[in-house]
Amino acid sequence: DFVVFHRREGSILCALLEPHALNDDNSWCKAKGLAEFAASHGDEFDRIEMTIEEGAKSKRLDVKKPSWRKKVLAINSNEALKAIFGEIG
C-alpha cells in the first residue's frame, strides 16, 4: 500500500493506493476490505484505489466512487473482481 500526498489548489490531499496482482486467491477479499474502508473513511482521502497492471496499461479502481464500491462489495471471487477491472477502459 502507498499513502501519497499531493497538493491541489493550495490544499494538501491524501490518496491511498493498493497496487495488486489479480492472481492471488484473496485479491477479491483485499478489494472488498478496501471498499469497506472507503465506505467508512472515504471522506478523509482524495482517492482510495486498487490498481493493477494489464500488459503495458495501468487500471485504477477508485472505491471511493459509490458505483464502483457497490460492485466491489457484492463480489465473492477473483473472477468477479477481474470482471470489474474488465469494465475499466
PDB file of N, CA and C in Angstrom:
ATOM      1  N   ASP A   1       0.837  -1.177   0.000  1.00  0.00           N
ATOM      2  CA  ASP A   1       0.000   0.000   0.000  1.00  0.00           C
ATOM      3  C   ASP A   1       0.881   1.239   0.000  1.00  0.00           C
ATOM      4  N   PHE A   2       0.339   2.279  -0.612  1.00  0.00           N
ATOM      5  CA  PHE A   2       1.029   3.560  -0.631  1.00  0.00           C
ATOM      6  C   PHE A   2       0.075   4.641  -0.138  1.00  0.00           C
ATOM      7  N   VAL A   3       0.579   5.511   0.679  1.00  0.00           N
ATOM      8  CA  VAL A   3      -0.136   6.718   1.058  1.00  0.00           C
ATOM      9  C   VAL A   3       0.599   7.849   0.353  1.00  0.00           C
ATOM     10  N   VAL A   4      -0.104   8.552  -0.518  1.00  0.00           N
ATOM     11  CA  VAL A   4       0.507   9.576  -1.351  1.00  0.00           C
ATOM     12  C   VAL A   4      -0.127  10.920  -1.012  1.00  0.00           C
ATOM     13  N   PHE A   5       0.720  11.910  -0.775  1.00  0.00           N
ATOM     14  CA  PHE A   5       0.245  13.259  -0.509  1.00  0.00           C
ATOM     15  C   PHE A   5       0.517  14.108  -1.744  1.00  0.00           C
ATOM     16  N   HIS A   6      -0.442  14.934  -2.101  1.00  0.00           N
ATOM     17  CA  HIS A   6      -0.254  15.827  -3.235  1.00  0.00           C
ATOM     18  C   HIS A   6      -0.993  17.139  -2.970  1.00  0.00           C
ATOM     19  N   ARG A   7      -0.572  18.146  -3.687  1.00  0.00           N
ATOM     20  CA  ARG A   7      -1.125  19.481  -3.499  1.00  0.00           C
ATOM     21  C   ARG A   7      -2.054  19.784  -4.665  1.00  0.00           C
ATOM     22  N   ARG A   8      -3.224  20.333  -4.315  1.00  0.00           N
ATOM     23  CA  ARG A   8      -4.173  20.776  -5.339  1.00  0.00           C
ATOM     24  C   ARG A   8      -4.836  22.054  -4.836  1.00  0.00           C
ATOM     25  N   GLU A   9      -4.699  23.110  -5.627  1.00  0.00           N
ATOM     26  CA  GLU A   9      -5.326  24.396  -5.319  1.00  0.00           C
ATOM     27  C   GLU A   9      -5.024  24.848  -3.890  1.00  0.00           C
ATOM     28  N   GLY A  10      -3.782  24.708  -3.479  1.00  0.00           N
ATOM     29  CA  GLY A  10      -3.351  25.177  -2.181  1.00  0.00           C
ATOM     30  C   GLY A  10      -3.630  24.245  -1.013  1.00  0.00           C
ATOM     31  N   SER A  11      -4.287  23.132  -1.272  1.00  0.00           N
ATOM     32  CA  SER A  11      -4.574  22.162  -0.215  1.00  0.00           C
ATOM     33  C   SER A  11      -3.694  20.930  -0.387  1.00  0.00           C
ATOM     34  N   ILE A  12      -3.366  20.289   0.707  1.00  0.00           N
ATOM     35  CA  ILE A  12      -2.638  19.021   0.653  1.00  0.00           C
ATOM     36  C   ILE A  12      -3.655  17.902   0.817  1.00  0.00           C
ATOM     37  N   LEU A  13      -3.678  17.013  -0.166  1.00  0.00           N
ATOM     38  CA  LEU A  13      -4.625  15.903  -0.192  1.00  0.00           C
ATOM     39  C   LEU A  13      -3.877  14.583  -0.036  1.00  0.00           C
ATOM     40  N   CYS A  14      -4.597  13.572   0.385  1.00  0.00           N
ATOM     41  CA  CYS A  14      -4.009  12.259   0.622  1.00  0.00           C
ATOM     42  C   CYS A  14      -4.752  11.212  -0.193  1.00  0.00           C
ATOM     43  N   ALA A  15      -4.008  10.311  -0.817  1.00  0.00           N
ATOM     44  CA  ALA A  15      -4.587   9.206  -1.573  1.00  0.00           C
ATOM     45  C   ALA A  15      -4.024   7.894  -1.031  1.00  0.00           C
ATOM     46  N   LEU A  16      -4.864   6.886  -0.963  1.00  0.00           N
ATOM     47  CA  LEU A  16      -4.457   5.540  -0.555  1.00  0.00           C
ATOM     48  C   LEU A  16      -4.492   4.665  -1.799  1.00  0.00           C
ATOM     49  N   LEU A  17      -3.338   4.096  -2.171  1.00  0.00           N
ATOM     50  CA  LEU A  17      -3.222   3.296  -3.390  1.00  0.00           C
ATOM     51  C   LEU A  17      -2.769   1.888  -3.038  1.00  0.00           C
ATOM     52  N   GLU A  18      -3.467   0.896  -3.584  1.00  0.00           N
ATOM     53  CA  GLU A  18      -3.168  -0.514  -3.335  1.00  0.00           C
ATOM     54  C   GLU A  18      -2.814  -1.172  -4.668  1.00  0.00           C
ATOM     55  N   PRO A  19      -1.514  -1.236  -5.022  1.00  0.00           N
ATOM     56  CA  PRO A  19      -1.134  -1.956  -6.234  1.00  0.00           C
ATOM     57  C   PRO A  19      -1.276  -3.446  -5.970  1.00  0.00           C
ATOM     58  N   HIS A  20      -1.826  -4.147  -6.933  1.00  0.00           N
ATOM     59  CA  HIS A  20      -2.117  -5.554  -6.678  1.00  0.00           C
ATOM     60  C   HIS A  20      -2.079  -6.371  -7.961  1.00  0.00           C
ATOM     61  N   ALA A  21      -1.854  -7.659  -7.795  1.00  0.00           N
ATOM     62  CA  ALA A  21      -1.953  -8.614  -8.902  1.00  0.00           C
ATOM     63  C   ALA A  21      -3.202  -9.458  -8.663  1.00  0.00           C
ATOM     64  N   LEU A  22      -3.940  -9.726  -9.699  1.00  0.00           N
ATOM     65  CA  LEU A  22      -5.197 -10.452  -9.536  1.00  0.00           C
ATOM     66  C   LEU A  22      -5.026 -11.963  -9.494  1.00  0.00           C
ATOM     67  N   ASN A  23      -3.788 -12.436  -9.487  1.00  0.00           N
ATOM     68  CA  ASN A  23      -3.578 -13.882  -9.464  1.00  0.00           C
ATOM     69  C   ASN A  23      -3.511 -14.448  -8.043  1.00  0.00           C
ATOM     70  N   ASP A  24      -3.538 -13.585  -7.021  1.00  0.00           N
ATOM     71  CA  ASP A  24      -3.608 -14.059  -5.639  1.00  0.00           C
ATOM     72  C   ASP A  24      -5.033 -14.512  -5.353  1.00  0.00           C
ATOM     73  N   ASP A  25      -5.177 -15.634  -4.657  1.00  0.00           N
ATOM     74  CA  ASP A  25      -6.505 -16.172  -4.373  1.00  0.00           C
ATOM     75  C   ASP A  25      -7.374 -15.216  -3.554  1.00  0.00           C
ATOM     76  N   ASN A  26      -6.741 -14.356  -2.784  1.00  0.00           N
ATOM     77  CA  ASN A  26      -7.513 -13.480  -1.905  1.00  0.00           C
ATOM     78  C   ASN A  26      -7.593 -12.034  -2.404  1.00  0.00           C
ATOM     79  N   SER A  27      -7.325 -11.804  -3.667  1.00  0.00           N
ATOM     80  CA  SER A  27      -7.372 -10.437  -4.201  1.00  0.00           C
ATOM     81  C   SER A  27      -8.746  -9.815  -4.000  1.00  0.00           C
ATOM     82  N   TRP A  28      -9.782 -10.586  -4.200  1.00  0.00           N
ATOM     83  CA  TRP A  28     -11.132 -10.050  -4.057  1.00  0.00           C
ATOM     84  C   TRP A  28     -11.414  -9.654  -2.605  1.00  0.00           C
ATOM     85  N   CYS A  29     -10.839 -10.392  -1.652  1.00  0.00           N
ATOM     86  CA  CYS A  29     -11.014 -10.047  -0.230  1.00  0.00           C
ATOM     87  C   CYS A  29     -10.356  -8.704   0.078  1.00  0.00           C
ATOM     88  N   LYS A  30      -9.179  -8.496  -0.485  1.00  0.00           N
ATOM     89  CA  LYS A  30      -8.472  -7.230  -0.273  1.00  0.00           C
ATOM     90  C   LYS A  30      -9.247  -6.073  -0.893  1.00  0.00           C
ATOM     91  N   ALA A  31      -9.799  -6.295  -2.077  1.00  0.00           N
ATOM     92  CA  ALA A  31     -10.585  -5.251  -2.734  1.00  0.00           C
ATOM     93  C   ALA A  31     -11.827  -4.925  -1.906  1.00  0.00           C
ATOM     94  N   LYS A  32     -12.463  -5.945  -1.396  1.00  0.00           N
ATOM     95  CA  LYS A  32     -13.657  -5.749  -0.588  1.00  0.00           C
ATOM     96  C   LYS A  32     -13.322  -4.995   0.706  1.00  0.00           C
ATOM     97  N   GLY A  33     -12.221  -5.344   1.346  1.00  0.00           N
ATOM     98  CA  GLY A  33     -11.793  -4.641   2.546  1.00  0.00           C
ATOM     99  C   GLY A  33     -11.494  -3.183   2.263  1.00  0.00           C
ATOM    100  N   LEU A  34     -10.877  -2.914   1.114  1.00  0.00           N
ATOM    101  CA  LEU A  34     -10.579  -1.538   0.726  1.00  0.00           C
ATOM    102  C   LEU A  34     -11.880  -0.757   0.501  1.00  0.00           C
ATOM    103  N   ALA A  35     -12.857  -1.414  -0.107  1.00  0.00           N
ATOM    104  CA  ALA A  35     -14.155  -0.771  -0.333  1.00  0.00           C
ATOM    105  C   ALA A  35     -14.864  -0.493   0.990  1.00  0.00           C
ATOM    106  N   GLU A  36     -14.783  -1.414   1.933  1.00  0.00           N
ATOM    107  CA  GLU A  36     -15.380  -1.203   3.254  1.00  0.00           C
ATOM    108  C   GLU A  36     -14.695  -0.036   3.972  1.00  0.00           C
ATOM    109  N   PHE A  37     -13.371   0.026   3.853  1.00  0.00           N
ATOM    110  CA  PHE A  37     -12.612   1.137   4.432  1.00  0.00           C
ATOM    111  C   PHE A  37     -13.065   2.452   3.806  1.00  0.00           C
ATOM    112  N   ALA A  38     -13.234   2.457   2.488  1.00  0.00           N
ATOM    113  CA  ALA A  38     -13.661   3.668   1.783  1.00  0.00           C
ATOM    114  C   ALA A  38     -15.048   4.107   2.233  1.00  0.00           C
ATOM    115  N   ALA A  39     -15.924   3.148   2.490  1.00  0.00           N
ATOM    116  CA  ALA A  39     -17.273   3.489   2.946  1.00  0.00           C
ATOM    117  C   ALA A  39     -17.224   4.201   4.298  1.00  0.00           C
ATOM    118  N   SER A  40     -16.297   3.800   5.142  1.00  0.00           N
ATOM    119  CA  SER A  40     -16.195   4.386   6.488  1.00  0.00           C
ATOM    120  C   SER A  40     -15.313   5.632   6.556  1.00  0.00           C
ATOM    121  N   HIS A  41     -14.247   5.668   5.745  1.00  0.00           N
ATOM    122  CA  HIS A  41     -13.243   6.727   5.880  1.00  0.00           C
ATOM    123  C   HIS A  41     -12.969   7.494   4.590  1.00  0.00           C
ATOM    124  N   GLY A  42     -13.779   7.281   3.574  1.00  0.00           N
ATOM    125  CA  GLY A  42     -13.519   7.881   2.266  1.00  0.00           C
ATOM    126  C   GLY A  42     -13.452   9.389   2.252  1.00  0.00           C
ATOM    127  N   ASP A  43     -14.187  10.031   3.153  1.00  0.00           N
ATOM    128  CA  ASP A  43     -14.181  11.496   3.186  1.00  0.00           C
ATOM    129  C   ASP A  43     -12.824  12.065   3.570  1.00  0.00           C
ATOM    130  N   GLU A  44     -11.978  11.241   4.151  1.00  0.00           N
ATOM    131  CA  GLU A  44     -10.674  11.704   4.611  1.00  0.00           C
ATOM    132  C   GLU A  44      -9.594  11.603   3.530  1.00  0.00           C
ATOM    133  N   PHE A  45      -9.942  11.018   2.372  1.00  0.00           N
ATOM    134  CA  PHE A  45      -8.968  10.775   1.306  1.00  0.00           C
ATOM    135  C   PHE A  45      -9.458  11.355  -0.013  1.00  0.00           C
ATOM    136  N   ASP A  46      -8.510  11.775  -0.838  1.00  0.00           N
ATOM    137  CA  ASP A  46      -8.829  12.242  -2.184  1.00  0.00           C
ATOM    138  C   ASP A  46      -9.209  11.059  -3.075  1.00  0.00           C
ATOM    139  N   ARG A  47      -8.444   9.978  -2.954  1.00  0.00           N
ATOM    140  CA  ARG A  47      -8.717   8.745  -3.720  1.00  0.00           C
ATOM    141  C   ARG A  47      -8.388   7.553  -2.837  1.00  0.00           C
ATOM    142  N   ILE A  48      -9.109   6.461  -3.069  1.00  0.00           N
ATOM    143  CA  ILE A  48      -8.779   5.166  -2.480  1.00  0.00           C
ATOM    144  C   ILE A  48      -8.914   4.182  -3.626  1.00  0.00           C
ATOM    145  N   GLU A  49      -7.770   3.677  -4.093  1.00  0.00           N
ATOM    146  CA  GLU A  49      -7.765   2.890  -5.330  1.00  0.00           C
ATOM    147  C   GLU A  49      -7.009   1.580  -5.194  1.00  0.00           C
ATOM    148  N   MET A  50      -7.529   0.561  -5.874  1.00  0.00           N
ATOM    149  CA  MET A  50      -6.771  -0.658  -6.134  1.00  0.00           C
ATOM    150  C   MET A  50      -6.314  -0.524  -7.581  1.00  0.00           C
ATOM    151  N   THR A  51      -5.051  -0.766  -7.816  1.00  0.00           N
ATOM    152  CA  THR A  51      -4.518  -0.638  -9.172  1.00  0.00           C
ATOM    153  C   THR A  51      -3.919  -1.966  -9.622  1.00  0.00           C
ATOM    154  N   ILE A  52      -4.032  -2.222 -10.909  1.00  0.00           N
ATOM    155  CA  ILE A  52      -3.405  -3.409 -11.500  1.00  0.00           C
ATOM    156  C   ILE A  52      -2.672  -2.987 -12.766  1.00  0.00           C
ATOM    157  N   GLU A  53      -1.716  -3.812 -13.147  1.00  0.00           N
ATOM    158  CA  GLU A  53      -1.035  -3.647 -14.430  1.00  0.00           C
ATOM    159  C   GLU A  53      -1.579  -4.721 -15.359  1.00  0.00           C
ATOM    160  N   GLU A  54      -2.048  -4.297 -16.512  1.00  0.00           N
ATOM    161  CA  GLU A  54      -2.556  -5.225 -17.518  1.00  0.00           C
ATOM    162  C   GLU A  54      -1.785  -4.964 -18.801  1.00  0.00           C
ATOM    163  N   GLY A  55      -0.747  -5.774 -19.006  1.00  0.00           N
ATOM    164  CA  GLY A  55       0.169  -5.501 -20.105  1.00  0.00           C
ATOM    165  C   GLY A  55       0.907  -4.211 -19.816  1.00  0.00           C
ATOM    166  N   ALA A  56       0.885  -3.292 -20.765  1.00  0.00           N
ATOM    167  CA  ALA A  56       1.550  -2.004 -20.578  1.00  0.00           C
ATOM    168  C   ALA A  56       0.602  -0.957 -19.992  1.00  0.00           C
ATOM    169  N   LYS A  57      -0.615  -1.371 -19.676  1.00  0.00           N
ATOM    170  CA  LYS A  57      -1.637  -0.442 -19.218  1.00  0.00           C
ATOM    171  C   LYS A  57      -1.894  -0.601 -17.716  1.00  0.00           C
ATOM    172  N   SER A  58      -2.081   0.514 -17.055  1.00  0.00           N
ATOM    173  CA  SER A  58      -2.436   0.546 -15.639  1.00  0.00           C
ATOM    174  C   SER A  58      -3.931   0.793 -15.532  1.00  0.00           C
ATOM    175  N   LYS A  59      -4.607   0.043 -14.663  1.00  0.00           N
ATOM    176  CA  LYS A  59      -6.036   0.258 -14.431  1.00  0.00           C
ATOM    177  C   LYS A  59      -6.235   0.594 -12.971  1.00  0.00           C
ATOM    178  N   ARG A  60      -7.079   1.603 -12.725  1.00  0.00           N
ATOM    179  CA  ARG A  60      -7.312   2.075 -11.361  1.00  0.00           C
ATOM    180  C   ARG A  60      -8.793   1.936 -11.027  1.00  0.00           C
ATOM    181  N   LEU A  61      -9.061   1.284  -9.928  1.00  0.00           N
ATOM    182  CA  LEU A  61     -10.428   1.101  -9.454  1.00  0.00           C
ATOM    183  C   LEU A  61     -10.599   1.954  -8.193  1.00  0.00           C
ATOM    184  N   ASP A  62     -11.273   3.086  -8.331  1.00  0.00           N
ATOM    185  CA  ASP A  62     -11.438   4.021  -7.217  1.00  0.00           C
ATOM    186  C   ASP A  62     -12.682   3.636  -6.426  1.00  0.00           C
ATOM    187  N   VAL A  63     -12.480   2.988  -5.280  1.00  0.00           N
ATOM    188  CA  VAL A  63     -13.600   2.512  -4.475  1.00  0.00           C
ATOM    189  C   VAL A  63     -14.237   3.621  -3.634  1.00  0.00           C
ATOM    190  N   LYS A  64     -13.743   4.844  -3.750  1.00  0.00           N
ATOM    191  CA  LYS A  64     -14.443   5.978  -3.147  1.00  0.00           C
ATOM    192  C   LYS A  64     -15.704   6.290  -3.941  1.00  0.00           C
ATOM    193  N   LYS A  65     -15.691   5.974  -5.205  1.00  0.00           N
ATOM    194  CA  LYS A  65     -16.854   6.238  -6.050  1.00  0.00           C
ATOM    195  C   LYS A  65     -17.936   5.216  -5.720  1.00  0.00           C
ATOM    196  N   PRO A  66     -19.114   5.681  -5.325  1.00  0.00           N
ATOM    197  CA  PRO A  66     -20.164   4.765  -4.876  1.00  0.00           C
ATOM    198  C   PRO A  66     -20.517   3.656  -5.871  1.00  0.00           C
ATOM    199  N   SER A  67     -20.515   3.952  -7.155  1.00  0.00           N
ATOM    200  CA  SER A  67     -20.889   2.928  -8.143  1.00  0.00           C
ATOM    201  C   SER A  67     -19.880   1.776  -8.175  1.00  0.00           C
ATOM    202  N   TRP A  68     -18.581   2.095  -8.118  1.00  0.00           N
ATOM    203  CA  TRP A  68     -17.551   1.042  -8.095  1.00  0.00           C
ATOM    204  C   TRP A  68     -17.553   0.324  -6.757  1.00  0.00           C
ATOM    205  N   ARG A  69     -17.706   1.089  -5.675  1.00  0.00           N
ATOM    206  CA  ARG A  69     -17.697   0.484  -4.345  1.00  0.00           C
ATOM    207  C   ARG A  69     -18.833  -0.532  -4.203  1.00  0.00           C
ATOM    208  N   LYS A  70     -20.003  -0.189  -4.694  1.00  0.00           N
ATOM    209  CA  LYS A  70     -21.155  -1.102  -4.627  1.00  0.00           C
ATOM    210  C   LYS A  70     -20.857  -2.410  -5.358  1.00  0.00           C
ATOM    211  N   LYS A  71     -20.239  -2.321  -6.522  1.00  0.00           N
ATOM    212  CA  LYS A  71     -19.885  -3.517  -7.287  1.00  0.00           C
ATOM    213  C   LYS A  71     -18.876  -4.370  -6.523  1.00  0.00           C
ATOM    214  N   VAL A  72     -17.860  -3.724  -5.955  1.00  0.00           N
ATOM    215  CA  VAL A  72     -16.823  -4.468  -5.230  1.00  0.00           C
ATOM    216  C   VAL A  72     -17.398  -5.134  -3.988  1.00  0.00           C
ATOM    217  N   LEU A  73     -18.263  -4.449  -3.286  1.00  0.00           N
ATOM    218  CA  LEU A  73     -18.843  -5.025  -2.068  1.00  0.00           C
ATOM    219  C   LEU A  73     -19.714  -6.239  -2.355  1.00  0.00           C
ATOM    220  N   ALA A  74     -20.154  -6.396  -3.591  1.00  0.00           N
ATOM    221  CA  ALA A  74     -21.023  -7.521  -3.957  1.00  0.00           C
ATOM    222  C   ALA A  74     -20.255  -8.750  -4.460  1.00  0.00           C
ATOM    223  N   ILE A  75     -18.932  -8.664  -4.621  1.00  0.00           N
ATOM    224  CA  ILE A  75     -18.189  -9.780  -5.208  1.00  0.00           C
ATOM    225  C   ILE A  75     -17.843 -10.841  -4.171  1.00  0.00           C
ATOM    226  N   ASN A  76     -17.548 -12.044  -4.681  1.00  0.00           N
ATOM    227  CA  ASN A  76     -17.128 -13.139  -3.798  1.00  0.00           C
ATOM    228  C   ASN A  76     -16.113 -14.056  -4.467  1.00  0.00           C
ATOM    229  N   SER A  77     -15.401 -13.505  -5.467  1.00  0.00           N
ATOM    230  CA  SER A  77     -14.372 -14.306  -6.144  1.00  0.00           C
ATOM    231  C   SER A  77     -13.430 -13.393  -6.920  1.00  0.00           C
ATOM    232  N   ASN A  78     -12.260 -13.954  -7.256  1.00  0.00           N
ATOM    233  CA  ASN A  78     -11.317 -13.210  -8.098  1.00  0.00           C
ATOM    234  C   ASN A  78     -11.887 -12.995  -9.495  1.00  0.00           C
ATOM    235  N   GLU A  79     -12.652 -13.958  -9.975  1.00  0.00           N
ATOM    236  CA  GLU A  79     -13.244 -13.813 -11.311  1.00  0.00           C
ATOM    237  C   GLU A  79     -14.171 -12.600 -11.351  1.00  0.00           C
ATOM    238  N   ALA A  80     -14.924 -12.403 -10.286  1.00  0.00           N
ATOM    239  CA  ALA A  80     -15.818 -11.240 -10.224  1.00  0.00           C
ATOM    240  C   ALA A  80     -15.007  -9.941 -10.181  1.00  0.00           C
ATOM    241  N   LEU A  81     -13.898  -9.946  -9.449  1.00  0.00           N
ATOM    242  CA  LEU A  81     -13.031  -8.769  -9.406  1.00  0.00           C
ATOM    243  C   LEU A  81     -12.422  -8.504 -10.779  1.00  0.00           C
ATOM    244  N   LYS A  82     -11.987  -9.557 -11.450  1.00  0.00           N
ATOM    245  CA  LYS A  82     -11.438  -9.399 -12.797  1.00  0.00           C
ATOM    246  C   LYS A  82     -12.488  -8.800 -13.748  1.00  0.00           C
ATOM    247  N   ALA A  83     -13.736  -9.211 -13.592  1.00  0.00           N
ATOM    248  CA  ALA A  83     -14.815  -8.682 -14.443  1.00  0.00           C
ATOM    249  C   ALA A  83     -14.992  -7.184 -14.201  1.00  0.00           C
ATOM    250  N   ILE A  84     -14.865  -6.746 -12.948  1.00  0.00           N
ATOM    251  CA  ILE A  84     -14.982  -5.315 -12.653  1.00  0.00           C
ATOM    252  C   ILE A  84     -13.835  -4.561 -13.316  1.00  0.00           C
ATOM    253  N   PHE A  85     -12.613  -5.075 -13.179  1.00  0.00           N
ATOM    254  CA  PHE A  85     -11.483  -4.409 -13.841  1.00  0.00           C
ATOM    255  C   PHE A  85     -11.655  -4.433 -15.358  1.00  0.00           C
ATOM    256  N   GLY A  86     -12.335  -5.442 -15.888  1.00  0.00           N
ATOM    257  CA  GLY A  86     -12.606  -5.517 -17.323  1.00  0.00           C
ATOM    258  C   GLY A  86     -13.506  -4.390 -17.801  1.00  0.00           C
ATOM    259  N   GLU A  87     -14.302  -3.828 -16.901  1.00  0.00           N
ATOM    260  CA  GLU A  87     -15.193  -2.718 -17.249  1.00  0.00           C
ATOM    261  C   GLU A  87     -14.450  -1.391 -17.350  1.00  0.00           C
ATOM    262  N   ILE A  88     -13.245  -1.350 -16.771  1.00  0.00           N
ATOM    263  CA  ILE A  88     -12.469  -0.110 -16.777  1.00  0.00           C
ATOM    264  C   ILE A  88     -11.734   0.012 -18.098  1.00  0.00           C
ATOM    265  N   GLY A  89     -11.935   1.132 -18.760  1.00  0.00           N
ATOM    266  CA  GLY A  89     -11.331   1.346 -20.062  1.00  0.00           C
ATOM    267  C   GLY A  89      -9.875   1.633 -20.063  1.00  0.00           C
TER     268      GLY A  89
END
